[in-house]
């Protein structure tokens, strides 16, 4: 028996390729491994974040656009006013 390892960019690509390969007579079995840690979303609360993931999260937070509460309130009020005007 021989093993072939493939990597795809998305889970959808992996599923499509697995379905195709599983229909071939020469293929004994097809298994899709779970994604690597880099592909797992931050919202996965089932495991603790690694130091590398903590650093990445902090960096993303520091580089993201931020507003003070007063600016956010004024911006939101402007959007509400704009949206309310469109309905009339």
Protein backbone atom coordinates (compact mmCIF):
# COMPACT_ATOMS: atom_id res chain seq x y z
CA UNK A 1 0.00 0.00 0.00
CA UNK A 2 1.21 3.54 -0.80
CA UNK A 3 0.10 6.83 0.76
CA UNK A 4 -0.34 10.07 -1.11
CA UNK A 5 -0.45 13.35 0.85
CA UNK A 6 -2.15 16.36 -0.72
CA UNK A 7 -2.68 19.89 0.59
CA UNK A 8 -5.41 22.22 -0.60
CA UNK A 9 -6.07 25.88 0.11
CA UNK A 10 -9.66 25.43 1.30
CA UNK A 11 -11.79 22.79 2.97
CA UNK A 12 -14.17 22.90 0.01
CA UNK A 13 -11.32 22.02 -2.37
CA UNK A 14 -10.28 19.14 -0.10
CA UNK A 15 -13.82 17.78 -0.01
CA UNK A 16 -14.21 18.02 -3.79
CA UNK A 17 -10.91 16.26 -4.39
CA UNK A 18 -11.70 13.57 -1.80
CA UNK A 19 -15.05 12.85 -3.44
CA UNK A 20 -13.37 12.54 -6.84
CA UNK A 21 -10.61 10.25 -5.59
CA UNK A 22 -12.94 8.03 -3.58
CA UNK A 23 -14.78 7.08 -6.81
CA UNK A 24 -11.63 5.72 -8.43
CA UNK A 25 -11.22 1.93 -8.40
CA UNK A 26 -7.50 2.14 -7.59
CA UNK A 27 -8.04 4.19 -4.41
CA UNK A 28 -8.44 2.12 -1.26
CA UNK A 29 -9.50 4.93 1.11
CA UNK A 30 -9.63 8.72 1.40
CA UNK A 31 -9.30 10.62 4.68
CA UNK A 32 -9.49 14.36 5.25
CA UNK A 33 -7.41 15.53 8.20
CA UNK A 34 -8.57 18.50 10.27
CA UNK A 35 -7.07 21.87 9.28
CA UNK A 36 -3.77 23.01 10.75
CA UNK A 37 -3.83 25.49 13.64
CA UNK A 38 -3.24 28.47 11.30
CA UNK A 39 -6.51 27.69 9.52
CA UNK A 40 -8.60 27.41 12.69
CA UNK A 41 -10.67 30.48 13.49
CA UNK A 42 -9.98 32.48 16.64
CA UNK A 43 -13.46 31.64 17.94
CA UNK A 44 -12.53 28.02 18.60
CA UNK A 45 -12.81 27.87 22.38
CA UNK A 46 -12.11 24.16 22.60
CA UNK A 47 -8.35 24.69 22.89
CA UNK A 48 -5.96 27.23 24.35
CA UNK A 49 -4.12 29.61 22.03
CA UNK A 50 -0.39 29.10 21.55
CA UNK A 51 2.11 31.89 22.20
CA UNK A 52 2.41 32.43 18.43
CA UNK A 53 -1.38 32.76 18.11
CA UNK A 54 -1.50 35.21 21.04
CA UNK A 55 1.18 37.35 19.37
CA UNK A 56 -0.73 37.26 16.06
CA UNK A 57 -3.98 38.27 17.76
CA UNK A 58 -2.28 41.15 19.59
CA UNK A 59 -0.61 42.34 16.37
CA UNK A 60 -3.92 42.25 14.46
CA UNK A 61 -5.61 44.19 17.25
CA UNK A 62 -2.91 46.84 17.38
CA UNK A 63 -2.94 47.33 13.60
CA UNK A 64 -6.73 47.45 13.25
CA UNK A 65 -8.67 50.68 12.85
CA UNK A 66 -9.94 51.95 16.17
CA UNK A 67 -12.23 54.76 17.36
CA UNK A 68 -12.91 56.35 20.69
CA UNK A 69 -16.48 55.95 21.97
CA UNK A 70 -17.51 59.51 21.07
CA UNK A 71 -16.33 59.12 17.45
CA UNK A 72 -18.08 55.77 17.13
CA UNK A 73 -21.31 57.25 18.50
CA UNK A 74 -21.16 60.19 16.06
CA UNK A 75 -20.39 57.85 13.16
CA UNK A 76 -23.29 55.55 14.06
CA UNK A 77 -25.69 58.49 14.46
CA UNK A 78 -24.65 59.72 11.00
CA UNK A 79 -25.31 56.31 9.45
CA UNK A 80 -28.73 56.07 11.12
CA UNK A 81 -29.63 59.53 9.87
CA UNK A 82 -28.44 58.64 6.36
CA UNK A 83 -30.38 55.36 6.32
CA UNK A 84 -33.51 56.97 7.74
CA UNK A 85 -33.43 59.61 5.01
CA UNK A 86 -33.41 56.99 2.27
CA UNK A 87 -36.71 55.49 3.38
CA UNK A 88 -38.67 58.71 2.86
